[in-house]
Amino acid sequence: EELCELISSSNNYSNVRKALAKTTPPCIPFLGILFTDIVFISDGNQDYLDSEKKLINVFKKQLLAKSIFQVQKYQNV
């Protein structure tokens, strides 16, 4: 029951995310969650904030960097 609660997909895997945040590497996270975040950030946000493509959406780039850093954190150990 405890394990089922931990890996429950409710609230976008919030229990798994909380457990990973508390854990220090080395560990092997479920990369499907991290890669899904990257896809949704990439597809769900515009690259540019205006139609003339002069203003880059920095918020999108920050979200992508944060997600990629999470993957790299577990690769480094």
C-alpha atoms as a PDB file:
ATOM      1  CA  GLU A   1       0.000   0.000   0.000  1.00  0.00           C
ATOM      2  CA  GLU A   2       2.836   2.368   0.844  1.00  0.00           C
ATOM      3  CA  LEU A   3       4.578   1.719  -2.468  1.00  0.00           C
ATOM      4  CA  CYS A   4       1.321   2.094  -4.414  1.00  0.00           C
ATOM      5  CA  GLU A   5       0.745   5.447  -2.747  1.00  0.00           C
ATOM      6  CA  LEU A   6       4.290   6.566  -3.596  1.00  0.00           C
ATOM      7  CA  ILE A   7       4.058   5.747  -7.292  1.00  0.00           C
ATOM      8  CA  SER A   8       0.477   6.893  -7.738  1.00  0.00           C
ATOM      9  CA  SER A   9      -0.054   8.985 -10.871  1.00  0.00           C
ATOM     10  CA  SER A  10      -2.462  11.314  -9.075  1.00  0.00           C
ATOM     11  CA  ASN A  11      -1.595  15.015  -9.061  1.00  0.00           C
ATOM     12  CA  ASN A  12       0.990  14.533 -11.796  1.00  0.00           C
ATOM     13  CA  TYR A  13       3.052  12.049  -9.751  1.00  0.00           C
ATOM     14  CA  SER A  14       3.397  14.531  -6.893  1.00  0.00           C
ATOM     15  CA  ASN A  15       4.456  11.843  -4.381  1.00  0.00           C
ATOM     16  CA  VAL A  16       7.231  10.611  -6.669  1.00  0.00           C
ATOM     17  CA  ARG A  17       8.385  14.175  -7.301  1.00  0.00           C
ATOM     18  CA  LYS A  18       8.476  14.930  -3.549  1.00  0.00           C
ATOM     19  CA  ALA A  19      10.440  11.750  -2.855  1.00  0.00           C
ATOM     20  CA  LEU A  20      12.962  12.597  -5.595  1.00  0.00           C
ATOM     21  CA  ALA A  21      13.367  16.122  -4.238  1.00  0.00           C
ATOM     22  CA  LYS A  22      14.284  14.697  -0.810  1.00  0.00           C
ATOM     23  CA  THR A  23      16.653  12.072  -2.213  1.00  0.00           C
ATOM     24  CA  THR A  24      20.312  12.715  -2.843  1.00  0.00           C
ATOM     25  CA  PRO A  25      21.956  10.867  -5.712  1.00  0.00           C
ATOM     26  CA  PRO A  26      22.814   8.155  -6.474  1.00  0.00           C
ATOM     27  CA  CYS A  27      19.376   6.947  -7.389  1.00  0.00           C
ATOM     28  CA  ILE A  28      17.593   5.900 -10.551  1.00  0.00           C
ATOM     29  CA  PRO A  29      14.533   8.086 -11.137  1.00  0.00           C
ATOM     30  CA  PHE A  30      11.673   7.212 -13.440  1.00  0.00           C
ATOM     31  CA  LEU A  31      12.819   9.172 -16.479  1.00  0.00           C
ATOM     32  CA  GLY A  32       9.399   8.991 -18.101  1.00  0.00           C
ATOM     33  CA  ILE A  33       8.150  11.693 -15.748  1.00  0.00           C
ATOM     34  CA  LEU A  34      11.112  13.973 -16.436  1.00  0.00           C
ATOM     35  CA  PHE A  35      10.968  13.461 -20.194  1.00  0.00           C
ATOM     36  CA  THR A  36       7.205  14.051 -20.228  1.00  0.00           C
ATOM     37  CA  ASP A  37       7.797  17.377 -18.475  1.00  0.00           C
ATOM     38  CA  ILE A  38      10.322  18.359 -21.143  1.00  0.00           C
ATOM     39  CA  VAL A  39       7.919  17.480 -23.971  1.00  0.00           C
ATOM     40  CA  PHE A  40       5.009  19.377 -22.407  1.00  0.00           C
ATOM     41  CA  ILE A  41       7.164  22.437 -21.716  1.00  0.00           C
ATOM     42  CA  SER A  42       8.534  22.385 -25.253  1.00  0.00           C
ATOM     43  CA  ASP A  43       5.216  21.818 -27.016  1.00  0.00           C
ATOM     44  CA  GLY A  44       2.997  23.809 -24.667  1.00  0.00           C
ATOM     45  CA  ASN A  45       4.865  27.111 -24.699  1.00  0.00           C
ATOM     46  CA  GLN A  46       5.730  29.491 -27.501  1.00  0.00           C
ATOM     47  CA  ASP A  47       9.364  29.985 -28.466  1.00  0.00           C
ATOM     48  CA  TYR A  48       8.790  33.704 -28.957  1.00  0.00           C
ATOM     49  CA  LEU A  49       6.555  36.191 -27.158  1.00  0.00           C
ATOM     50  CA  ASP A  50       5.641  38.227 -30.243  1.00  0.00           C
ATOM     51  CA  SER A  51       4.768  37.492 -33.842  1.00  0.00           C
ATOM     52  CA  GLU A  52       7.896  39.204 -35.188  1.00  0.00           C
ATOM     53  CA  LYS A  53      10.069  36.663 -33.334  1.00  0.00           C
ATOM     54  CA  LYS A  54      12.160  39.284 -31.605  1.00  0.00           C
ATOM     55  CA  LEU A  55      11.428  38.441 -27.976  1.00  0.00           C
ATOM     56  CA  ILE A  56      12.533  34.988 -26.862  1.00  0.00           C
ATOM     57  CA  ASN A  57      10.329  33.310 -24.257  1.00  0.00           C
ATOM     58  CA  VAL A  58      12.912  33.183 -21.464  1.00  0.00           C
ATOM     59  CA  PHE A  59      10.456  31.574 -19.035  1.00  0.00           C
ATOM     60  CA  LYS A  60      10.161  28.554 -21.362  1.00  0.00           C
ATOM     61  CA  LYS A  61      13.938  28.285 -21.584  1.00  0.00           C
ATOM     62  CA  GLN A  62      14.228  28.435 -17.776  1.00  0.00           C
ATOM     63  CA  LEU A  63      11.665  25.660 -17.354  1.00  0.00           C
ATOM     64  CA  LEU A  64      13.484  23.499 -19.912  1.00  0.00           C
ATOM     65  CA  ALA A  65      16.834  24.141 -18.243  1.00  0.00           C
ATOM     66  CA  LYS A  66      15.423  23.151 -14.841  1.00  0.00           C
ATOM     67  CA  SER A  67      14.029  19.886 -16.229  1.00  0.00           C
ATOM     68  CA  ILE A  68      17.222  19.043 -18.110  1.00  0.00           C
ATOM     69  CA  PHE A  69      19.266  19.798 -14.994  1.00  0.00           C
ATOM     70  CA  GLN A  70      17.190  17.241 -13.087  1.00  0.00           C
ATOM     71  CA  VAL A  71      18.124  14.560 -15.642  1.00  0.00           C
ATOM     72  CA  GLN A  72      21.793  15.571 -15.561  1.00  0.00           C
ATOM     73  CA  LYS A  73      21.863  15.545 -11.753  1.00  0.00           C
ATOM     74  CA  TYR A  74      21.252  11.795 -11.755  1.00  0.00           C
ATOM     75  CA  GLN A  75      23.664  11.151 -14.627  1.00  0.00           C
ATOM     76  CA  ASN A  76      26.609  12.795 -12.883  1.00  0.00           C
ATOM     77  CA  VAL A  77      26.772  10.417  -9.933  1.00  0.00           C
END
